[in-house]
């Protein structure tokens, strides 16, 4: 691990190393994907994926750390890849799609919250004020859950691809992510109540890059 890695202790005493993702992490991303159950894969990617291809692994690891940021976490003792959090800036430069994925046997320990705290800090540094979470439009339970935890004035909007975007304010500086609406929303995602992941956008952008179209 390089000097930019940070050791983080989770609430159950587990230790993990967190750092920005690098191109050489393709193997770690593929290994982490293999450790997700079929249900977890579908819940996070809106599709029954069985493997990640070369283009997908390149997109997920060869990031610019400005419009596309990704943080990866490894178990301190085994160096097993256990979690990834990323944001991808939207057409509105102050908005970014957010995704947090934790391998099944590390869920419920606080890994997602720990990564999200650091991702929020990076987003603020890059001028982002809102995260977006994509939800299947027919998932009424997820949308109702969002409405139940959202403060007055929160936004949800429909997209041309048939999803609903939930617009989530970043917590104010000094506010623990776990206690914010963003934290509550992502905990619901971890429980399977809410599917939130920009995978359909990632696939769209991978297709553009393969076709030679410049994209973030």
Protein backbone atom coordinates (compact mmCIF):
# COMPACT_ATOMS: atom_id res chain seq x y z
CA UNK A 1 0.00 0.00 0.00
CA UNK A 2 1.23 3.52 -0.73
CA UNK A 3 1.54 6.39 1.71
CA UNK A 4 -1.86 7.78 0.63
CA UNK A 5 -3.60 4.83 2.35
CA UNK A 6 -5.42 5.53 5.61
CA UNK A 7 -6.10 2.94 8.30
CA UNK A 8 -9.73 3.07 9.46
CA UNK A 9 -11.21 1.26 12.46
CA UNK A 10 -14.86 0.27 12.09
CA UNK A 11 -17.37 0.10 14.90
CA UNK A 12 -16.89 -3.65 15.37
CA UNK A 13 -13.12 -3.22 15.68
CA UNK A 14 -12.35 -4.35 12.12
CA UNK A 15 -9.50 -2.49 10.43
CA UNK A 16 -9.34 -1.56 6.78
CA UNK A 17 -7.02 0.47 4.57
CA UNK A 18 -8.67 3.13 2.39
CA UNK A 19 -7.04 4.93 -0.53
CA UNK A 20 -7.89 6.36 -3.97
CA UNK A 21 -8.32 3.68 -6.58
CA UNK A 22 -5.53 3.09 -9.12
CA UNK A 23 -5.38 1.41 -12.56
CA UNK A 24 -3.53 -1.56 -11.07
CA UNK A 25 -6.58 -2.29 -8.89
CA UNK A 26 -8.40 -4.07 -11.72
CA UNK A 27 -7.67 -7.44 -10.12
CA UNK A 28 -8.95 -6.24 -6.76
CA UNK A 29 -12.19 -4.95 -8.30
CA UNK A 30 -12.72 -8.24 -10.13
CA UNK A 31 -12.02 -10.19 -6.92
CA UNK A 32 -14.43 -8.03 -4.91
CA UNK A 33 -17.11 -8.53 -7.54
CA UNK A 34 -16.65 -12.30 -7.29
CA UNK A 35 -17.34 -12.07 -3.53
CA UNK A 36 -20.74 -10.47 -4.07
CA UNK A 37 -23.72 -12.81 -3.99
CA UNK A 38 -25.97 -12.97 -7.06
CA UNK A 39 -28.61 -11.01 -5.14
CA UNK A 40 -26.10 -8.30 -4.17
CA UNK A 41 -24.91 -7.99 -7.77
CA UNK A 42 -28.45 -7.54 -9.05
CA UNK A 43 -29.35 -5.08 -6.29
CA UNK A 44 -26.32 -2.93 -7.03
CA UNK A 45 -26.11 -3.15 -10.82
CA UNK A 46 -29.79 -3.47 -11.91
CA UNK A 47 -28.74 -6.52 -13.96
CA UNK A 48 -27.79 -10.17 -13.41
CA UNK A 49 -24.08 -9.62 -14.11
CA UNK A 50 -21.77 -12.63 -13.88
CA UNK A 51 -18.42 -10.90 -14.55
CA UNK A 52 -16.83 -7.55 -15.33
CA UNK A 53 -15.23 -7.14 -18.76
CA UNK A 54 -11.98 -5.36 -19.62
CA UNK A 55 -13.73 -2.13 -20.64
CA UNK A 56 -15.73 -2.09 -17.41
CA UNK A 57 -12.67 -2.72 -15.24
CA UNK A 58 -10.78 0.03 -17.07
CA UNK A 59 -13.60 2.51 -16.53
CA UNK A 60 -13.89 1.62 -12.85
CA UNK A 61 -10.16 1.96 -12.11
CA UNK A 62 -8.72 4.48 -14.59
CA UNK A 63 -10.38 7.55 -13.07
CA UNK A 64 -9.33 11.20 -13.12
CA UNK A 65 -10.03 11.83 -9.38
CA UNK A 66 -11.87 15.03 -10.34
CA UNK A 67 -15.04 14.30 -12.30
CA UNK A 68 -14.82 10.62 -11.38
CA UNK A 69 -13.49 9.74 -7.94
CA UNK A 70 -13.28 6.26 -6.42
CA UNK A 71 -12.01 5.07 -3.05
CA UNK A 72 -11.16 1.43 -2.41
CA UNK A 73 -10.89 -0.34 0.96
CA UNK A 74 -8.90 -3.46 1.82
CA UNK A 75 -9.00 -5.60 4.97
CA UNK A 76 -5.88 -4.63 6.94
CA UNK A 77 -4.82 -8.17 7.77
CA UNK A 78 -5.54 -10.08 4.55
CA UNK A 79 -5.44 -7.21 2.02
CA UNK A 80 -8.75 -8.56 0.71
CA UNK A 81 -10.68 -5.88 -1.26
CA UNK A 82 -13.87 -5.25 0.73
CA UNK A 83 -15.51 -2.02 -0.45
CA UNK A 84 -15.54 0.72 -3.07
CA UNK A 85 -17.22 4.13 -3.04
CA UNK A 86 -17.32 6.44 -6.04
CA UNK A 87 -18.91 9.55 -7.45
CA UNK A 88 -19.30 10.46 -11.12
CA UNK A 89 -20.01 14.10 -11.92
CA UNK A 90 -23.27 14.76 -13.74
CA UNK A 91 -23.96 17.26 -16.56
CA UNK A 92 -24.69 19.74 -13.77
CA UNK A 93 -21.16 20.23 -12.36
CA UNK A 94 -22.51 20.48 -8.81
CA UNK A 95 -24.16 17.04 -8.96
CA UNK A 96 -22.65 13.56 -9.01
CA UNK A 97 -24.03 10.03 -9.07
CA UNK A 98 -22.93 8.10 -5.99
CA UNK A 99 -22.34 4.40 -5.44
CA UNK A 100 -21.06 2.41 -2.47
CA UNK A 101 -20.51 -1.35 -2.73
CA UNK A 102 -19.41 -3.59 0.16
CA UNK A 103 -18.75 -7.32 -0.16
CA UNK A 104 -21.39 -9.36 1.60
CA UNK A 105 -19.45 -10.53 4.66
CA UNK A 106 -18.30 -6.97 5.49
CA UNK A 107 -21.78 -5.44 5.34
CA UNK A 108 -23.20 -4.11 8.60
CA UNK A 109 -19.82 -3.15 10.09
CA UNK A 110 -19.84 0.51 9.05
CA UNK A 111 -17.56 0.18 6.03
CA UNK A 112 -19.99 2.03 3.73
CA UNK A 113 -20.33 4.93 6.16
CA UNK A 114 -16.56 5.18 6.64
CA UNK A 115 -15.99 5.33 2.88
CA UNK A 116 -18.87 7.71 2.37
CA UNK A 117 -17.47 10.16 4.95
CA UNK A 118 -14.28 10.37 2.92
CA UNK A 119 -16.10 10.49 -0.42
CA UNK A 120 -18.23 13.41 0.79
CA UNK A 121 -15.09 15.30 1.79
CA UNK A 122 -13.60 14.70 -1.68
CA UNK A 123 -16.84 15.78 -3.34
CA UNK A 124 -16.82 19.08 -1.45
CA UNK A 125 -13.23 19.67 -2.54
CA UNK A 126 -14.35 19.23 -6.15
CA UNK A 127 -17.29 21.65 -5.84
CA UNK A 128 -20.06 19.03 -5.67
CA UNK A 129 -23.07 19.86 -3.48
CA UNK A 130 -25.52 17.03 -4.27
CA UNK A 131 -25.28 13.29 -4.80
CA UNK A 132 -27.74 11.44 -7.05
CA UNK A 133 -29.01 7.91 -6.46
CA UNK A 134 -30.70 6.01 -9.29
CA UNK A 135 -33.74 3.88 -8.45
CA UNK A 136 -35.81 1.58 -10.67
CA UNK A 137 -38.97 3.53 -11.45
CA UNK A 138 -41.28 0.63 -10.55
CA UNK A 139 -39.71 0.23 -7.11
CA UNK A 140 -42.46 2.01 -5.20
CA UNK A 141 -41.13 0.81 -1.86
CA UNK A 142 -37.77 2.45 -2.48
CA UNK A 143 -39.32 5.72 -3.59
CA UNK A 144 -41.69 5.78 -0.63
CA UNK A 145 -38.74 5.06 1.67
CA UNK A 146 -36.86 8.02 0.20
CA UNK A 147 -39.86 10.28 0.70
CA UNK A 148 -40.18 9.14 4.32
CA UNK A 149 -36.60 10.11 5.24
CA UNK A 150 -36.26 13.16 3.02
CA UNK A 151 -36.75 16.62 4.51
CA UNK A 152 -39.28 18.99 2.89
CA UNK A 153 -38.13 20.28 -0.47
CA UNK A 154 -36.10 17.22 -1.43
CA UNK A 155 -36.16 16.35 -5.11
CA UNK A 156 -36.79 13.22 -7.09
CA UNK A 157 -37.01 13.31 -10.87
CA UNK A 158 -37.59 10.89 -13.74
CA UNK A 159 -34.94 10.20 -16.37
CA UNK A 160 -35.25 9.29 -20.03
CA UNK A 161 -33.82 5.84 -19.24
CA UNK A 162 -36.83 5.00 -17.05
CA UNK A 163 -35.21 5.46 -13.65
CA UNK A 164 -35.93 7.85 -10.84
CA UNK A 165 -33.10 10.06 -9.59
CA UNK A 166 -33.09 10.92 -5.91
CA UNK A 167 -31.27 14.23 -5.33
CA UNK A 168 -29.50 14.09 -1.97
CA UNK A 169 -27.87 17.11 -0.36
CA UNK A 170 -24.37 16.51 0.98
CA UNK A 171 -24.40 16.78 4.79
CA UNK A 172 -23.16 20.05 6.21
CA UNK A 173 -19.50 20.06 7.29
CA UNK A 174 -19.29 18.66 10.80
CA UNK A 175 -22.48 16.60 10.45
CA UNK A 176 -21.76 12.85 10.79
CA UNK A 177 -22.67 11.16 7.53
CA UNK A 178 -24.40 8.37 9.43
CA UNK A 179 -26.92 10.88 10.84
CA UNK A 180 -27.57 12.63 7.52
CA UNK A 181 -30.22 11.84 4.93
CA UNK A 182 -27.45 10.59 2.68
CA UNK A 183 -26.36 8.11 5.33
CA UNK A 184 -29.92 6.93 5.98
CA UNK A 185 -30.51 6.43 2.26
CA UNK A 186 -27.38 4.34 1.80
CA UNK A 187 -28.11 2.24 4.88
CA UNK A 188 -31.45 1.45 3.26
CA UNK A 189 -29.54 0.43 0.15
CA UNK A 190 -27.37 -1.91 2.22
CA UNK A 191 -30.52 -3.56 3.65
CA UNK A 192 -31.85 -4.10 0.13
CA UNK A 193 -34.71 -1.62 0.56
CA UNK A 194 -33.25 0.77 -1.97
CA UNK A 195 -31.27 -0.03 -5.10
CA UNK A 196 -28.90 2.90 -5.65
CA UNK A 197 -26.06 2.68 -8.13
CA UNK A 198 -25.09 4.53 -11.32
CA UNK A 199 -24.28 1.30 -13.17
CA UNK A 200 -26.62 2.05 -16.07
CA UNK A 201 -24.78 5.36 -16.49
CA UNK A 202 -21.40 3.64 -16.25
CA UNK A 203 -22.39 1.18 -18.99
CA UNK A 204 -23.61 4.09 -21.10
CA UNK A 205 -20.31 5.92 -20.69
CA UNK A 206 -18.25 2.80 -21.36
CA UNK A 207 -20.14 2.46 -24.62
CA UNK A 208 -19.35 6.04 -25.53
CA UNK A 209 -15.67 5.57 -24.78
CA UNK A 210 -15.49 2.39 -26.87
CA UNK A 211 -17.16 4.27 -29.72
CA UNK A 212 -14.54 7.01 -29.47
CA UNK A 213 -16.80 9.66 -27.92
CA UNK A 214 -15.13 11.78 -25.26
CA UNK A 215 -16.85 11.49 -21.89
CA UNK A 216 -16.03 11.92 -18.24
